[in-house]
Amino acid sequence: MTTLKNRLTAIHGQEREFIKTANQDFTPGSMYLTHMFLLGAGQRTLSQSRGFRKMIEGKNFPSATILLRTQIDTAMRIHALPLIQDREDSMGRLMANQVQFDRLTTLEDGKQVRLTDAYLRKHLSMQYPWIDKLYAETSDFVHLSFRHLWTAIARVDDNTRTAHFMLSARDANRNEAEYFEVCEAFFEVSKIIYKMLRLSWGLARPPPPEESPATVS
């Protein structure tokens, strides 16, 4: 991928491939609440992917980065599904707005542990170590910080040691290569999500209840 257009085309290709394979991987049968959660995650991922491409095309780096951060958020929650105790019951409470995701728990070393963002971030980073730093960097754009100032810098004059700022809804003019890293990060996070969605579908059905032991009279 040598150009910005190539990178955005690759992200678009991911979207189309996922929609195509979902028709094969999301097998018919009984629909459980976990399946509905996964469908919502898939819809969110596709919507954010399209939005990300439009933001980059529109030279809106801050908003594109926020979408990358929320894409990580989706990955963290799908990755956590196997950890959730009484998953179907928990999905029901989530759907009914009786509980927030970070109030759900998992059992770790014999103790109940809440699935907070910090815990989910740590857990996903165990498998994908680069996620931890990316999460921290993109969070700066979710909350107002001085990171937003840098996108307003139009140019810097080293000789006079002056900076020129531009207030605009579009980024100041810059080389397209400056968008490469964020596009590549979005591609990799999305790839993780699409993979987990396909794998999680078959695991979403709760295990059958244990049969009562036979008795002899």
Foldseek 3Di string as FASTA:
>chain_A
DPFPVVLLVLLVVLLVVLVVCCVVLLDDDDDALVLVVLVVLNVLLSVLSVVLSVCVVQQQVLVNLLSLLVLLVSLLVLVCQVQFDPNRVVSVCVVVVVDDQQQTWGADPNDTDGSDPVNSQVVVCVVVVVSNVSNVVSVCSVDPDCVVVVQQFQDADPVVRDTDGHDDSHGHDDDRVVCVVSSVSSSVSSVSSSVSSSVCSVVPDDDDDDDDDDDDD
